[in-house]
Amino acid sequence: MIFATKTIENFLSADEITEIEAMINAGMAGFMVDFPESAREELNDKGIDRVANILNLPIYNDTHTRLNEILLPKLQEHFHKDIFIDDCHILESHSPYMVHTDATDDDAENYTIKPANGMIPAWTFIIPLDTYNSNTIIFDQSSSKYKGPEIWVEKTNPPLLNSIDEETYNKYFINIAYPIVLKHFSIEEIFPWKKGSLSAAAREKFHCSDNFLKNGVKQKRAIVMWTTVPKDS
């Protein structure tokens, strides 16, 4: 099954975003700090005390019925009638995420969320809650087994493409990815963080944030969803 990369402008209206923000302010989201211990020194050098805050929104919970009503019918209409949202959360990003995938198979060294029996990883969705001078970069390359690009390059020996020039590297990737690794990558899409727009890409696609800190953006917020669909659909 092909999970095509797609952008939908105005996927959520301003009123719908206001309604979701009200849910968050009412305490309907569980809170978790995304802060790898290994990154502490590097983050502190940047004056940042965390990678991100993650506010979990269990979309099938009885207390989140309205959230389900807002999101699920739109996703069923535009993507798949049997789509299942394995994880829905608000990402408050304080430090750019490096190149990674959001899906790996049963034999992988790790995985984001293991699909239920009979299901396969489908799309990652990103819906910015405001407009920011920042982008998500989605690459043509993908992996179901390796989550990080360095191990993917080491284990699979992909061809050298040299498709990302110095200007593009300096604009989007400086301090985000090593140039030697990016020589194996080509860009499929650059998604600007515009309020209410939706980015959809296969969870197996490599992607990353740009270095929004150098653009003067201190943090950015979005709804992020990881989804699955039935294997035989």
C-alpha atoms as a PDB file:
ATOM      1  CA  MET A   1       0.000   0.000   0.000  1.00  0.00           C
ATOM      2  CA  ILE A   2       1.258   3.467  -0.892  1.00  0.00           C
ATOM      3  CA  PHE A   3       0.945   6.230   1.690  1.00  0.00           C
ATOM      4  CA  ALA A   4       1.386   9.286  -0.470  1.00  0.00           C
ATOM      5  CA  THR A   5       2.885  12.515   0.821  1.00  0.00           C
ATOM      6  CA  LYS A   6       0.259  15.236   0.822  1.00  0.00           C
ATOM      7  CA  THR A   7      -0.389  18.749   2.112  1.00  0.00           C
ATOM      8  CA  ILE A   8      -3.919  20.001   2.795  1.00  0.00           C
ATOM      9  CA  GLU A   9      -4.319  23.727   3.366  1.00  0.00           C
ATOM     10  CA  ASN A  10      -6.796  24.824   6.048  1.00  0.00           C
ATOM     11  CA  PHE A  11      -7.392  21.261   7.212  1.00  0.00           C
ATOM     12  CA  LEU A  12      -8.504  22.715  10.533  1.00  0.00           C
ATOM     13  CA  SER A  13     -10.344  26.011  10.775  1.00  0.00           C
ATOM     14  CA  ALA A  14      -9.358  28.746  13.212  1.00  0.00           C
ATOM     15  CA  ASP A  15     -12.498  27.959  15.237  1.00  0.00           C
ATOM     16  CA  GLU A  16     -11.578  24.276  15.443  1.00  0.00           C
ATOM     17  CA  ILE A  17      -8.072  25.132  16.623  1.00  0.00           C
ATOM     18  CA  THR A  18      -9.515  27.488  19.240  1.00  0.00           C
ATOM     19  CA  GLU A  19     -11.759  24.650  20.424  1.00  0.00           C
ATOM     20  CA  ILE A  20      -8.815  22.232  20.679  1.00  0.00           C
ATOM     21  CA  GLU A  21      -6.742  24.822  22.531  1.00  0.00           C
ATOM     22  CA  ALA A  22      -9.623  25.198  25.007  1.00  0.00           C
ATOM     23  CA  MET A  23      -9.508  21.431  25.616  1.00  0.00           C
ATOM     24  CA  ILE A  24      -5.791  21.672  26.395  1.00  0.00           C
ATOM     25  CA  ASN A  25      -6.275  24.667  28.699  1.00  0.00           C
ATOM     26  CA  ALA A  26      -9.007  22.720  30.505  1.00  0.00           C
ATOM     27  CA  GLY A  27      -6.450  20.069  31.425  1.00  0.00           C
ATOM     28  CA  MET A  28      -7.579  17.382  28.987  1.00  0.00           C
ATOM     29  CA  ALA A  29      -4.029  16.577  27.855  1.00  0.00           C
ATOM     30  CA  GLY A  30      -1.516  14.492  29.785  1.00  0.00           C
ATOM     31  CA  PHE A  31       1.958  16.046  30.009  1.00  0.00           C
ATOM     32  CA  MET A  32       5.372  14.547  29.341  1.00  0.00           C
ATOM     33  CA  VAL A  33       8.767  16.197  28.807  1.00  0.00           C
ATOM     34  CA  ASP A  34      10.760  14.825  25.885  1.00  0.00           C
ATOM     35  CA  PHE A  35      14.276  15.180  27.228  1.00  0.00           C
ATOM     36  CA  PRO A  36      16.899  12.554  26.348  1.00  0.00           C
ATOM     37  CA  GLU A  37      19.552  12.505  29.056  1.00  0.00           C
ATOM     38  CA  SER A  38      22.260  12.154  26.413  1.00  0.00           C
ATOM     39  CA  ALA A  39      21.306  15.546  24.973  1.00  0.00           C
ATOM     40  CA  ARG A  40      21.493  17.478  28.263  1.00  0.00           C
ATOM     41  CA  GLU A  41      24.924  19.088  27.782  1.00  0.00           C
ATOM     42  CA  GLU A  42      24.322  20.029  24.154  1.00  0.00           C
ATOM     43  CA  LEU A  43      20.904  21.511  24.951  1.00  0.00           C
ATOM     44  CA  ASN A  44      22.241  23.461  27.897  1.00  0.00           C
ATOM     45  CA  ASP A  45      24.907  24.946  25.622  1.00  0.00           C
ATOM     46  CA  LYS A  46      22.058  26.261  23.460  1.00  0.00           C
ATOM     47  CA  GLY A  47      20.229  27.675  26.465  1.00  0.00           C
ATOM     48  CA  ILE A  48      17.452  25.084  26.089  1.00  0.00           C
ATOM     49  CA  ASP A  49      16.258  22.866  28.918  1.00  0.00           C
ATOM     50  CA  ARG A  50      14.291  20.344  26.844  1.00  0.00           C
ATOM     51  CA  VAL A  51      13.714  19.021  23.340  1.00  0.00           C
ATOM     52  CA  ALA A  52       9.945  19.239  23.598  1.00  0.00           C
ATOM     53  CA  ASN A  53       6.850  19.082  25.751  1.00  0.00           C
ATOM     54  CA  ILE A  54       4.397  16.407  24.677  1.00  0.00           C
ATOM     55  CA  LEU A  55       0.749  16.713  25.687  1.00  0.00           C
ATOM     56  CA  ASN A  56      -1.013  13.415  25.096  1.00  0.00           C
ATOM     57  CA  LEU A  57      -4.547  13.510  23.685  1.00  0.00           C
ATOM     58  CA  PRO A  58      -6.111  10.002  23.793  1.00  0.00           C
ATOM     59  CA  ILE A  59      -8.522  10.566  20.942  1.00  0.00           C
ATOM     60  CA  TYR A  60     -10.714   7.505  21.631  1.00  0.00           C
ATOM     61  CA  ASN A  61     -11.128   8.354  25.306  1.00  0.00           C
ATOM     62  CA  ASP A  62     -14.714   9.168  26.324  1.00  0.00           C
ATOM     63  CA  THR A  63     -13.621  12.586  27.557  1.00  0.00           C
ATOM     64  CA  HIS A  64     -12.211  13.442  24.111  1.00  0.00           C
ATOM     65  CA  THR A  65     -15.339  12.770  22.043  1.00  0.00           C
ATOM     66  CA  ARG A  66     -15.292  16.255  20.517  1.00  0.00           C
ATOM     67  CA  LEU A  67     -11.651  15.911  19.478  1.00  0.00           C
ATOM     68  CA  ASN A  68     -12.571  12.655  17.741  1.00  0.00           C
ATOM     69  CA  GLU A  69     -15.480  14.388  15.997  1.00  0.00           C
ATOM     70  CA  ILE A  70     -13.192  17.130  14.694  1.00  0.00           C
ATOM     71  CA  LEU A  71     -10.277  15.004  13.469  1.00  0.00           C
ATOM     72  CA  LEU A  72     -11.383  11.495  12.563  1.00  0.00           C
ATOM     73  CA  PRO A  73     -14.038  12.208   9.864  1.00  0.00           C
ATOM     74  CA  LYS A  74     -11.620  14.495   8.013  1.00  0.00           C
ATOM     75  CA  LEU A  75      -8.887  11.852   8.060  1.00  0.00           C
ATOM     76  CA  GLN A  76     -11.328   9.170   6.886  1.00  0.00           C
ATOM     77  CA  GLU A  77     -12.481  11.409   4.035  1.00  0.00           C
ATOM     78  CA  HIS A  78      -9.035  12.394   2.785  1.00  0.00           C
ATOM     79  CA  PHE A  79      -6.964   9.299   3.547  1.00  0.00           C
ATOM     80  CA  HIS A  80      -8.565   5.978   4.523  1.00  0.00           C
ATOM     81  CA  LYS A  81     -12.014   4.944   5.749  1.00  0.00           C
ATOM     82  CA  ASP A  82     -10.520   2.565   8.351  1.00  0.00           C
ATOM     83  CA  ILE A  83      -7.682   4.730   9.563  1.00  0.00           C
ATOM     84  CA  PHE A  84      -6.788   4.320  13.245  1.00  0.00           C
ATOM     85  CA  ILE A  85      -5.020   7.014  15.256  1.00  0.00           C
ATOM     86  CA  ASP A  86      -2.535   5.129  17.430  1.00  0.00           C
ATOM     87  CA  ASP A  87      -1.194   8.283  19.006  1.00  0.00           C
ATOM     88  CA  CYS A  88      -2.394  11.884  19.066  1.00  0.00           C
ATOM     89  CA  HIS A  89      -0.450  14.528  20.930  1.00  0.00           C
ATOM     90  CA  ILE A  90       0.431  18.184  20.999  1.00  0.00           C
ATOM     91  CA  LEU A  91       4.110  18.696  20.271  1.00  0.00           C
ATOM     92  CA  GLU A  92       5.633  21.812  21.829  1.00  0.00           C
ATOM     93  CA  SER A  93       9.024  21.728  20.174  1.00  0.00           C
ATOM     94  CA  HIS A  94      11.886  23.659  21.811  1.00  0.00           C
ATOM     95  CA  SER A  95      14.787  22.133  19.873  1.00  0.00           C
ATOM     96  CA  PRO A  96      14.737  20.882  16.261  1.00  0.00           C
ATOM     97  CA  TYR A  97      14.195  17.165  15.750  1.00  0.00           C
ATOM     98  CA  MET A  98      16.941  15.450  13.769  1.00  0.00           C
ATOM     99  CA  VAL A  99      16.381  13.151  10.767  1.00  0.00           C
ATOM    100  CA  HIS A 100      14.299  10.106  11.757  1.00  0.00           C
ATOM    101  CA  THR A 101      11.347   7.904  10.837  1.00  0.00           C
ATOM    102  CA  ASP A 102       8.144   7.265  12.798  1.00  0.00           C
ATOM    103  CA  ALA A 103       7.717   3.586  11.947  1.00  0.00           C
ATOM    104  CA  THR A 104       9.767   0.438  12.136  1.00  0.00           C
ATOM    105  CA  ASP A 105       8.862  -3.212  11.711  1.00  0.00           C
ATOM    106  CA  ASP A 106       8.946  -6.101  14.176  1.00  0.00           C
ATOM    107  CA  ASP A 107      12.636  -6.783  13.466  1.00  0.00           C
ATOM    108  CA  ALA A 108      13.765  -3.219  14.024  1.00  0.00           C
ATOM    109  CA  GLU A 109      16.134  -2.100  16.735  1.00  0.00           C
ATOM    110  CA  ASN A 110      13.322   0.109  18.061  1.00  0.00           C
ATOM    111  CA  TYR A 111       9.984   1.471  16.969  1.00  0.00           C
ATOM    112  CA  THR A 112       7.770   4.461  17.588  1.00  0.00           C
ATOM    113  CA  ILE A 113       4.529   2.563  18.195  1.00  0.00           C
ATOM    114  CA  LYS A 114       4.061  -1.089  17.355  1.00  0.00           C
ATOM    115  CA  PRO A 115       0.931  -1.643  15.233  1.00  0.00           C
ATOM    116  CA  ALA A 116      -1.842  -3.836  16.571  1.00  0.00           C
ATOM    117  CA  ASN A 117      -2.344  -7.261  14.999  1.00  0.00           C
ATOM    118  CA  GLY A 118      -3.591  -6.960  11.435  1.00  0.00           C
ATOM    119  CA  MET A 119      -2.554  -3.315  11.147  1.00  0.00           C
ATOM    120  CA  ILE A 120       0.379  -1.626   9.386  1.00  0.00           C
ATOM    121  CA  PRO A 121       1.979   1.818   9.873  1.00  0.00           C
ATOM    122  CA  ALA A 122       0.302   4.425   7.695  1.00  0.00           C
ATOM    123  CA  TRP A 123       0.752   8.212   7.854  1.00  0.00           C
ATOM    124  CA  THR A 124       2.318  10.694  10.199  1.00  0.00           C
ATOM    125  CA  PHE A 125       0.170  13.840  10.352  1.00  0.00           C
ATOM    126  CA  ILE A 126       1.376  17.269  11.475  1.00  0.00           C
ATOM    127  CA  ILE A 127      -1.042  20.182  11.976  1.00  0.00           C
ATOM    128  CA  PRO A 128       0.610  23.412  13.173  1.00  0.00           C
ATOM    129  CA  LEU A 129      -1.450  25.312  15.752  1.00  0.00           C
ATOM    130  CA  ASP A 130      -0.026  28.637  14.592  1.00  0.00           C
ATOM    131  CA  THR A 131       2.075  29.976  11.727  1.00  0.00           C
ATOM    132  CA  TYR A 132       5.833  29.773  12.327  1.00  0.00           C
ATOM    133  CA  ASN A 133       8.959  30.581  10.345  1.00  0.00           C
ATOM    134  CA  SER A 134       9.803  26.887  10.250  1.00  0.00           C
ATOM    135  CA  ASN A 135       9.420  23.824   8.049  1.00  0.00           C
ATOM    136  CA  THR A 136       9.316  20.060   8.169  1.00  0.00           C
ATOM    137  CA  ILE A 137      11.452  18.439   5.488  1.00  0.00           C
ATOM    138  CA  ILE A 138      10.290  15.085   4.114  1.00  0.00           C
ATOM    139  CA  PHE A 139      12.780  12.993   2.183  1.00  0.00           C
ATOM    140  CA  ASP A 140      12.225  10.504  -0.634  1.00  0.00           C
ATOM    141  CA  GLN A 141      14.069   7.834   1.333  1.00  0.00           C
ATOM    142  CA  SER A 142      12.384   5.538   3.851  1.00  0.00           C
ATOM    143  CA  SER A 143      13.078   2.627   6.150  1.00  0.00           C
ATOM    144  CA  SER A 144      10.884   0.233   8.086  1.00  0.00           C
ATOM    145  CA  LYS A 145      13.856  -1.149  10.012  1.00  0.00           C
ATOM    146  CA  TYR A 146      16.149   1.727  10.927  1.00  0.00           C
ATOM    147  CA  LYS A 147      14.873   4.816  12.709  1.00  0.00           C
ATOM    148  CA  GLY A 148      18.033   6.927  12.432  1.00  0.00           C
ATOM    149  CA  PRO A 149      19.876   7.899   9.238  1.00  0.00           C
ATOM    150  CA  GLU A 150      23.392   6.978  10.360  1.00  0.00           C
ATOM    151  CA  ILE A 151      22.538   3.353  11.082  1.00  0.00           C
ATOM    152  CA  TRP A 152      20.465   3.215   7.876  1.00  0.00           C
ATOM    153  CA  VAL A 153      23.463   4.381   5.833  1.00  0.00           C
ATOM    154  CA  GLU A 154      25.788   1.970   7.626  1.00  0.00           C
ATOM    155  CA  LYS A 155      23.548  -1.067   7.216  1.00  0.00           C
ATOM    156  CA  THR A 156      22.079  -0.515   3.742  1.00  0.00           C
ATOM    157  CA  ASN A 157      24.839   1.370   1.886  1.00  0.00           C
ATOM    158  CA  PRO A 158      22.426   3.542  -0.142  1.00  0.00           C
ATOM    159  CA  PRO A 159      23.706   5.339  -3.247  1.00  0.00           C
ATOM    160  CA  LEU A 160      25.363   8.735  -3.026  1.00  0.00           C
ATOM    161  CA  LEU A 161      22.945  11.280  -4.499  1.00  0.00           C
ATOM    162  CA  ASN A 162      24.558  14.627  -3.664  1.00  0.00           C
ATOM    163  CA  SER A 163      21.221  16.276  -4.405  1.00  0.00           C
ATOM    164  CA  ILE A 164      21.219  18.727  -1.482  1.00  0.00           C
ATOM    165  CA  ASP A 165      23.397  21.702  -2.327  1.00  0.00           C
ATOM    166  CA  GLU A 166      25.238  23.969   0.101  1.00  0.00           C
ATOM    167  CA  GLU A 167      22.614  26.723  -0.045  1.00  0.00           C
ATOM    168  CA  THR A 168      19.822  24.294   0.829  1.00  0.00           C
ATOM    169  CA  TYR A 169      21.917  22.726   3.572  1.00  0.00           C
ATOM    170  CA  ASN A 170      22.651  26.100   5.179  1.00  0.00           C
ATOM    171  CA  LYS A 171      19.012  27.180   4.956  1.00  0.00           C
ATOM    172  CA  TYR A 172      17.402  24.079   6.474  1.00  0.00           C
ATOM    173  CA  PHE A 173      19.863  21.563   7.868  1.00  0.00           C
ATOM    174  CA  ILE A 174      22.804  23.279   9.516  1.00  0.00           C
ATOM    175  CA  ASN A 175      23.203  21.779  13.018  1.00  0.00           C
ATOM    176  CA  ILE A 176      20.389  19.323  12.174  1.00  0.00           C
ATOM    177  CA  ALA A 177      22.117  16.658  10.070  1.00  0.00           C
ATOM    178  CA  TYR A 178      25.654  15.786   9.028  1.00  0.00           C
ATOM    179  CA  PRO A 179      26.383  16.703   5.390  1.00  0.00           C
ATOM    180  CA  ILE A 180      27.968  13.292   4.788  1.00  0.00           C
ATOM    181  CA  VAL A 181      24.703  11.590   5.763  1.00  0.00           C
ATOM    182  CA  LEU A 182      22.553  13.931   3.681  1.00  0.00           C
ATOM    183  CA  LYS A 183      24.549  12.994   0.591  1.00  0.00           C
ATOM    184  CA  HIS A 184      22.347   9.869   0.523  1.00  0.00           C
ATOM    185  CA  PHE A 185      19.083  11.838   0.713  1.00  0.00           C
ATOM    186  CA  SER A 186      16.860  13.772  -1.653  1.00  0.00           C
ATOM    187  CA  ILE A 187      14.034  16.089  -0.645  1.00  0.00           C
ATOM    188  CA  GLU A 188      10.484  15.102  -1.537  1.00  0.00           C
ATOM    189  CA  GLU A 189       8.632  17.975   0.121  1.00  0.00           C
ATOM    190  CA  ILE A 190       9.193  20.981   2.360  1.00  0.00           C
ATOM    191  CA  PHE A 191       6.153  21.654   4.534  1.00  0.00           C
ATOM    192  CA  PRO A 192       5.875  25.198   5.921  1.00  0.00           C
ATOM    193  CA  TRP A 193       4.319  25.428   9.368  1.00  0.00           C
ATOM    194  CA  LYS A 194       1.126  27.322   8.557  1.00  0.00           C
ATOM    195  CA  LYS A 195      -1.739  27.421  11.043  1.00  0.00           C
ATOM    196  CA  GLY A 196      -4.330  24.715  10.343  1.00  0.00           C
ATOM    197  CA  SER A 197      -2.520  23.124   7.385  1.00  0.00           C
ATOM    198  CA  LEU A 198      -1.875  19.388   7.446  1.00  0.00           C
ATOM    199  CA  SER A 199       1.236  17.508   6.369  1.00  0.00           C
ATOM    200  CA  ALA A 200       0.808  13.804   5.647  1.00  0.00           C
ATOM    201  CA  ALA A 201       3.697  11.450   4.939  1.00  0.00           C
ATOM    202  CA  ALA A 202       4.297   7.743   5.313  1.00  0.00           C
ATOM    203  CA  ARG A 203       5.574   6.962   8.791  1.00  0.00           C
ATOM    204  CA  GLU A 204       8.507   5.128   7.214  1.00  0.00           C
ATOM    205  CA  LYS A 205       9.717   8.273   5.425  1.00  0.00           C
ATOM    206  CA  PHE A 206      12.775   9.999   6.822  1.00  0.00           C
ATOM    207  CA  HIS A 207      11.985  13.560   7.875  1.00  0.00           C
ATOM    208  CA  CYS A 208      13.220  16.299  10.169  1.00  0.00           C
ATOM    209  CA  SER A 209      12.659  19.824  11.367  1.00  0.00           C
ATOM    210  CA  ASP A 210      14.611  22.723   9.971  1.00  0.00           C
ATOM    211  CA  ASN A 211      16.743  24.705  12.418  1.00  0.00           C
ATOM    212  CA  PHE A 212      13.940  27.037  13.467  1.00  0.00           C
ATOM    213  CA  LEU A 213      16.083  28.445  16.299  1.00  0.00           C
ATOM    214  CA  LYS A 214      18.265  30.302  13.822  1.00  0.00           C
ATOM    215  CA  ASN A 215      15.057  31.863  12.417  1.00  0.00           C
ATOM    216  CA  GLY A 216      14.313  33.359  15.819  1.00  0.00           C
ATOM    217  CA  VAL A 217      11.574  30.850  16.661  1.00  0.00           C
ATOM    218  CA  LYS A 218      11.894  29.794  20.313  1.00  0.00           C
ATOM    219  CA  GLN A 219       9.225  27.081  20.181  1.00  0.00           C
ATOM    220  CA  LYS A 220       6.514  25.809  17.876  1.00  0.00           C
ATOM    221  CA  ARG A 221       3.345  23.821  18.518  1.00  0.00           C
ATOM    222  CA  ALA A 222       1.453  21.298  16.439  1.00  0.00           C
ATOM    223  CA  ILE A 223      -0.906  18.353  16.624  1.00  0.00           C
ATOM    224  CA  VAL A 224       1.014  15.196  15.679  1.00  0.00           C
ATOM    225  CA  MET A 225      -0.655  11.863  14.918  1.00  0.00           C
ATOM    226  CA  TRP A 226       0.779   8.444  14.133  1.00  0.00           C
ATOM    227  CA  THR A 227      -1.702   6.205  12.339  1.00  0.00           C
ATOM    228  CA  THR A 228      -2.251   2.655  11.110  1.00  0.00           C
ATOM    229  CA  VAL A 229      -4.634   0.990   8.673  1.00  0.00           C
ATOM    230  CA  PRO A 230      -5.729  -2.637   8.211  1.00  0.00           C
ATOM    231  CA  LYS A 231      -3.055  -4.677   6.454  1.00  0.00           C
ATOM    232  CA  ASP A 232      -5.381  -6.111   3.814  1.00  0.00           C
ATOM    233  CA  SER A 233      -7.375  -2.963   3.059  1.00  0.00           C
END
